[in-house]
Amino acid sequence: MTTGNYEVSWNELGDIEEGRPSLGGSTSVIVYRLFQFSLRHVLEERFGIEQTDALLRRAGRLAGKEFAATQLDRSQGVEDYLSEVVEKMETLKIGVLRAEKVDLQSMEFMLTVSEDLDCSGTPVIGRPICSFDEGFIAGVFERFAGREFDVREIDCWATGAKTCRFTVRPA
């Protein structure tokens, strides 16, 4: 039975070669942001900022889990896994991920993402806006560790920082 929803599966996102034989799989960041910020605007009008952030975080978590399930090898140790996340994020031009602090015992991390797809170069509005990224990072860690993670953005281009900074902790 179909619900009318698209399945969030890496393999069901479409055949890009067939569907875009001339244009391919790349687009402009500005076009991505036009989609993202218009969606955010409509959601905030309807649900408010807090609920919009929660919805985007939930969508990001779903995307992060699927990304990790199809693009990453979770059989390796956490440091190698994190290195692979760094490589894949750069290859796909999502952003430049770096680990500032790593505590393997507690599985707590401080990560930065520069040249972030979602916000690098946007105007300063005084609050972090990368809630999708929070969920995405949580999903990537959850797929590896088999348990939930809480990820919060503490610095963002939209708050005046020149890189996004996230705390990552087991929930």
C-alpha atoms as a PDB file:
ATOM      1  CA  MET A   1       0.000   0.000   0.000  1.00  0.00           C
ATOM      2  CA  THR A   2       1.375   3.395  -0.913  1.00  0.00           C
ATOM      3  CA  THR A   3       1.014   6.431   1.314  1.00  0.00           C
ATOM      4  CA  GLY A   4       1.866   8.929  -1.408  1.00  0.00           C
ATOM      5  CA  ASN A   5       5.211   9.621   0.221  1.00  0.00           C
ATOM      6  CA  TYR A   6       8.511   9.193  -1.530  1.00  0.00           C
ATOM      7  CA  GLU A   7      10.692   6.527  -0.001  1.00  0.00           C
ATOM      8  CA  VAL A   8      13.841   8.017   1.490  1.00  0.00           C
ATOM      9  CA  SER A   9      16.304   5.600   0.002  1.00  0.00           C
ATOM     10  CA  TRP A  10      19.584   6.474  -1.683  1.00  0.00           C
ATOM     11  CA  ASN A  11      18.751   4.024  -4.459  1.00  0.00           C
ATOM     12  CA  GLU A  12      15.259   5.479  -5.002  1.00  0.00           C
ATOM     13  CA  LEU A  13      16.272   9.117  -5.470  1.00  0.00           C
ATOM     14  CA  GLY A  14      16.117   8.742  -9.221  1.00  0.00           C
ATOM     15  CA  ASP A  15      18.345   7.868 -12.156  1.00  0.00           C
ATOM     16  CA  ILE A  16      20.214  11.139 -12.629  1.00  0.00           C
ATOM     17  CA  GLU A  17      21.989  10.003 -15.802  1.00  0.00           C
ATOM     18  CA  GLU A  18      18.680   9.113 -17.458  1.00  0.00           C
ATOM     19  CA  GLY A  19      16.705  12.047 -16.102  1.00  0.00           C
ATOM     20  CA  ARG A  20      19.343  14.749 -16.613  1.00  0.00           C
ATOM     21  CA  PRO A  21      21.462  13.578 -19.562  1.00  0.00           C
ATOM     22  CA  SER A  22      22.618  17.103 -20.403  1.00  0.00           C
ATOM     23  CA  LEU A  23      22.694  18.793 -17.004  1.00  0.00           C
ATOM     24  CA  GLY A  24      23.950  15.914 -14.844  1.00  0.00           C
ATOM     25  CA  GLY A  25      23.908  15.693 -11.067  1.00  0.00           C
ATOM     26  CA  SER A  26      25.252  19.124 -10.129  1.00  0.00           C
ATOM     27  CA  THR A  27      23.439  22.366  -9.492  1.00  0.00           C
ATOM     28  CA  SER A  28      24.226  25.755  -8.024  1.00  0.00           C
ATOM     29  CA  VAL A  29      24.326  26.222  -4.258  1.00  0.00           C
ATOM     30  CA  ILE A  30      22.097  29.274  -4.711  1.00  0.00           C
ATOM     31  CA  VAL A  31      19.371  27.088  -6.250  1.00  0.00           C
ATOM     32  CA  TYR A  32      19.630  24.620  -3.357  1.00  0.00           C
ATOM     33  CA  ARG A  33      19.357  27.501  -0.894  1.00  0.00           C
ATOM     34  CA  LEU A  34      16.379  28.963  -2.726  1.00  0.00           C
ATOM     35  CA  PHE A  35      14.610  25.633  -2.142  1.00  0.00           C
ATOM     36  CA  GLN A  36      15.817  25.319   1.449  1.00  0.00           C
ATOM     37  CA  PHE A  37      15.027  28.866   2.584  1.00  0.00           C
ATOM     38  CA  SER A  38      11.642  29.047   0.848  1.00  0.00           C
ATOM     39  CA  LEU A  39      10.705  25.747   2.522  1.00  0.00           C
ATOM     40  CA  ARG A  40      11.976  27.046   5.870  1.00  0.00           C
ATOM     41  CA  HIS A  41      10.009  30.284   5.407  1.00  0.00           C
ATOM     42  CA  VAL A  42       6.732  28.445   4.718  1.00  0.00           C
ATOM     43  CA  LEU A  43       7.293  26.048   7.626  1.00  0.00           C
ATOM     44  CA  GLU A  44       8.118  28.901  10.024  1.00  0.00           C
ATOM     45  CA  GLU A  45       4.967  30.788   8.981  1.00  0.00           C
ATOM     46  CA  ARG A  46       2.882  27.689   9.626  1.00  0.00           C
ATOM     47  CA  PHE A  47       4.584  26.134  12.662  1.00  0.00           C
ATOM     48  CA  GLY A  48       6.995  28.690  14.160  1.00  0.00           C
ATOM     49  CA  ILE A  49      10.778  28.567  14.423  1.00  0.00           C
ATOM     50  CA  GLU A  50      11.059  25.898  17.140  1.00  0.00           C
ATOM     51  CA  GLN A  51       8.794  23.382  15.408  1.00  0.00           C
ATOM     52  CA  THR A  52      10.403  24.109  12.024  1.00  0.00           C
ATOM     53  CA  ASP A  53      13.828  23.411  13.479  1.00  0.00           C
ATOM     54  CA  ALA A  54      12.511  20.146  14.951  1.00  0.00           C
ATOM     55  CA  LEU A  55      11.047  19.092  11.579  1.00  0.00           C
ATOM     56  CA  LEU A  56      14.231  19.952   9.683  1.00  0.00           C
ATOM     57  CA  ARG A  57      16.301  18.137  12.305  1.00  0.00           C
ATOM     58  CA  ARG A  58      14.073  15.071  11.887  1.00  0.00           C
ATOM     59  CA  ALA A  59      14.444  15.185   8.091  1.00  0.00           C
ATOM     60  CA  GLY A  60      18.201  15.613   8.441  1.00  0.00           C
ATOM     61  CA  ARG A  61      18.399  12.590  10.748  1.00  0.00           C
ATOM     62  CA  LEU A  62      16.571  10.481   8.176  1.00  0.00           C
ATOM     63  CA  ALA A  63      18.890  11.722   5.416  1.00  0.00           C
ATOM     64  CA  GLY A  64      22.007  11.174   7.558  1.00  0.00           C
ATOM     65  CA  LYS A  65      21.033   7.597   8.348  1.00  0.00           C
ATOM     66  CA  GLU A  66      20.424   6.822   4.669  1.00  0.00           C
ATOM     67  CA  PHE A  67      23.658   8.545   3.647  1.00  0.00           C
ATOM     68  CA  ALA A  68      25.589   6.524   6.222  1.00  0.00           C
ATOM     69  CA  ALA A  69      23.866   3.253   5.304  1.00  0.00           C
ATOM     70  CA  THR A  70      24.737   3.554   1.617  1.00  0.00           C
ATOM     71  CA  GLN A  71      27.923   5.610   1.529  1.00  0.00           C
ATOM     72  CA  LEU A  72      29.901   4.675   4.633  1.00  0.00           C
ATOM     73  CA  ASP A  73      31.527   1.538   6.043  1.00  0.00           C
ATOM     74  CA  ARG A  74      30.411   1.228   9.651  1.00  0.00           C
ATOM     75  CA  SER A  75      32.485  -1.927  10.263  1.00  0.00           C
ATOM     76  CA  GLN A  76      35.584   0.210  10.861  1.00  0.00           C
ATOM     77  CA  GLY A  77      36.606   2.031  14.020  1.00  0.00           C
ATOM     78  CA  VAL A  78      35.129   5.422  14.845  1.00  0.00           C
ATOM     79  CA  GLU A  79      38.232   7.375  13.781  1.00  0.00           C
ATOM     80  CA  ASP A  80      38.331   5.711  10.346  1.00  0.00           C
ATOM     81  CA  TYR A  81      34.572   6.108  10.036  1.00  0.00           C
ATOM     82  CA  LEU A  82      34.875   9.824  10.800  1.00  0.00           C
ATOM     83  CA  SER A  83      37.667  10.143   8.216  1.00  0.00           C
ATOM     84  CA  GLU A  84      35.384   8.543   5.654  1.00  0.00           C
ATOM     85  CA  VAL A  85      32.589  10.983   6.562  1.00  0.00           C
ATOM     86  CA  VAL A  86      35.048  13.863   6.011  1.00  0.00           C
ATOM     87  CA  GLU A  87      36.037  12.501   2.597  1.00  0.00           C
ATOM     88  CA  LYS A  88      32.453  11.834   1.424  1.00  0.00           C
ATOM     89  CA  MET A  89      31.205  15.236   2.569  1.00  0.00           C
ATOM     90  CA  GLU A  90      33.961  16.953   0.609  1.00  0.00           C
ATOM     91  CA  THR A  91      33.496  14.739  -2.454  1.00  0.00           C
ATOM     92  CA  LEU A  92      29.768  15.494  -2.504  1.00  0.00           C
ATOM     93  CA  LYS A  93      30.487  19.177  -1.719  1.00  0.00           C
ATOM     94  CA  ILE A  94      28.308  19.173   1.391  1.00  0.00           C
ATOM     95  CA  GLY A  95      30.975  20.954   3.432  1.00  0.00           C
ATOM     96  CA  VAL A  96      34.426  20.643   4.954  1.00  0.00           C
ATOM     97  CA  LEU A  97      34.074  18.633   8.171  1.00  0.00           C
ATOM     98  CA  ARG A  98      36.743  18.712  10.871  1.00  0.00           C
ATOM     99  CA  ALA A  99      36.847  17.195  14.346  1.00  0.00           C
ATOM    100  CA  GLU A 100      38.029  19.740  16.922  1.00  0.00           C
ATOM    101  CA  LYS A 101      37.557  17.449  19.932  1.00  0.00           C
ATOM    102  CA  VAL A 102      37.126  13.699  20.059  1.00  0.00           C
ATOM    103  CA  ASP A 103      36.387  11.750  23.233  1.00  0.00           C
ATOM    104  CA  LEU A 104      36.117   8.109  22.188  1.00  0.00           C
ATOM    105  CA  GLN A 105      35.327   6.922  25.711  1.00  0.00           C
ATOM    106  CA  SER A 106      32.212   9.069  26.052  1.00  0.00           C
ATOM    107  CA  MET A 107      31.571   9.272  22.264  1.00  0.00           C
ATOM    108  CA  GLU A 108      31.383  13.066  22.526  1.00  0.00           C
ATOM    109  CA  PHE A 109      32.670  15.267  19.727  1.00  0.00           C
ATOM    110  CA  MET A 110      33.056  18.878  18.720  1.00  0.00           C
ATOM    111  CA  LEU A 111      32.821  19.153  14.932  1.00  0.00           C
ATOM    112  CA  THR A 112      33.081  22.068  12.555  1.00  0.00           C
ATOM    113  CA  VAL A 113      31.707  22.313   9.052  1.00  0.00           C
ATOM    114  CA  SER A 114      33.102  25.122   6.929  1.00  0.00           C
ATOM    115  CA  GLU A 115      31.884  26.035   3.465  1.00  0.00           C
ATOM    116  CA  ASP A 116      28.594  24.573   4.658  1.00  0.00           C
ATOM    117  CA  LEU A 117      26.019  23.989   1.942  1.00  0.00           C
ATOM    118  CA  ASP A 118      23.244  25.424   4.110  1.00  0.00           C
ATOM    119  CA  CYS A 119      24.600  28.693   5.453  1.00  0.00           C
ATOM    120  CA  SER A 120      28.154  29.752   4.571  1.00  0.00           C
ATOM    121  CA  GLY A 121      27.947  33.307   3.288  1.00  0.00           C
ATOM    122  CA  THR A 122      24.382  33.967   4.438  1.00  0.00           C
ATOM    123  CA  PRO A 123      23.422  37.161   6.307  1.00  0.00           C
ATOM    124  CA  VAL A 124      23.813  37.277  10.083  1.00  0.00           C
ATOM    125  CA  ILE A 125      20.378  36.882  11.693  1.00  0.00           C
ATOM    126  CA  GLY A 126      21.495  36.161  15.252  1.00  0.00           C
ATOM    127  CA  ARG A 127      20.500  32.504  15.532  1.00  0.00           C
ATOM    128  CA  PRO A 128      21.834  29.208  14.173  1.00  0.00           C
ATOM    129  CA  ILE A 129      19.963  27.917  11.120  1.00  0.00           C
ATOM    130  CA  CYS A 130      21.585  24.555  10.366  1.00  0.00           C
ATOM    131  CA  SER A 131      18.982  22.346  12.049  1.00  0.00           C
ATOM    132  CA  PHE A 132      18.925  19.983   9.024  1.00  0.00           C
ATOM    133  CA  ASP A 133      22.692  19.582   9.490  1.00  0.00           C
ATOM    134  CA  GLU A 134      22.188  18.807  13.191  1.00  0.00           C
ATOM    135  CA  GLY A 135      19.898  15.954  12.229  1.00  0.00           C
ATOM    136  CA  PHE A 136      22.154  14.803   9.392  1.00  0.00           C
ATOM    137  CA  ILE A 137      25.168  14.536  11.696  1.00  0.00           C
ATOM    138  CA  ALA A 138      23.054  12.762  14.333  1.00  0.00           C
ATOM    139  CA  GLY A 139      21.866  10.258  11.732  1.00  0.00           C
ATOM    140  CA  VAL A 140      25.423   9.577  10.564  1.00  0.00           C
ATOM    141  CA  PHE A 141      26.540   8.877  14.151  1.00  0.00           C
ATOM    142  CA  GLU A 142      23.419   6.872  14.987  1.00  0.00           C
ATOM    143  CA  ARG A 143      23.917   4.568  12.004  1.00  0.00           C
ATOM    144  CA  PHE A 144      27.485   3.911  13.153  1.00  0.00           C
ATOM    145  CA  ALA A 145      26.870   3.485  16.883  1.00  0.00           C
ATOM    146  CA  GLY A 146      23.397   1.946  16.873  1.00  0.00           C
ATOM    147  CA  ARG A 147      22.086   4.469  19.384  1.00  0.00           C
ATOM    148  CA  GLU A 148      20.664   8.003  19.295  1.00  0.00           C
ATOM    149  CA  PHE A 149      22.789  11.132  19.400  1.00  0.00           C
ATOM    150  CA  ASP A 150      21.969  14.708  20.297  1.00  0.00           C
ATOM    151  CA  VAL A 151      23.651  17.222  18.002  1.00  0.00           C
ATOM    152  CA  ARG A 152      23.422  20.978  18.536  1.00  0.00           C
ATOM    153  CA  GLU A 153      24.892  23.802  16.533  1.00  0.00           C
ATOM    154  CA  ILE A 154      26.639  26.281  18.805  1.00  0.00           C
ATOM    155  CA  ASP A 155      28.235  28.510  16.129  1.00  0.00           C
ATOM    156  CA  CYS A 156      26.823  29.323  12.703  1.00  0.00           C
ATOM    157  CA  TRP A 157      27.532  31.731   9.872  1.00  0.00           C
ATOM    158  CA  ALA A 158      24.065  33.143  10.629  1.00  0.00           C
ATOM    159  CA  THR A 159      25.270  34.065  14.147  1.00  0.00           C
ATOM    160  CA  GLY A 160      28.419  35.766  12.865  1.00  0.00           C
ATOM    161  CA  ALA A 161      30.811  32.804  13.035  1.00  0.00           C
ATOM    162  CA  LYS A 162      32.759  31.904   9.913  1.00  0.00           C
ATOM    163  CA  THR A 163      32.247  28.174  10.454  1.00  0.00           C
ATOM    164  CA  CYS A 164      29.474  26.013  11.863  1.00  0.00           C
ATOM    165  CA  ARG A 165      30.335  24.217  15.100  1.00  0.00           C
ATOM    166  CA  PHE A 166      28.384  21.288  16.499  1.00  0.00           C
ATOM    167  CA  THR A 167      28.432  19.379  19.765  1.00  0.00           C
ATOM    168  CA  VAL A 168      27.731  15.653  19.352  1.00  0.00           C
ATOM    169  CA  ARG A 169      26.722  13.548  22.359  1.00  0.00           C
ATOM    170  CA  PRO A 170      24.892  10.280  22.943  1.00  0.00           C
ATOM    171  CA  ALA A 171      21.248  11.038  23.740  1.00  0.00           C
END
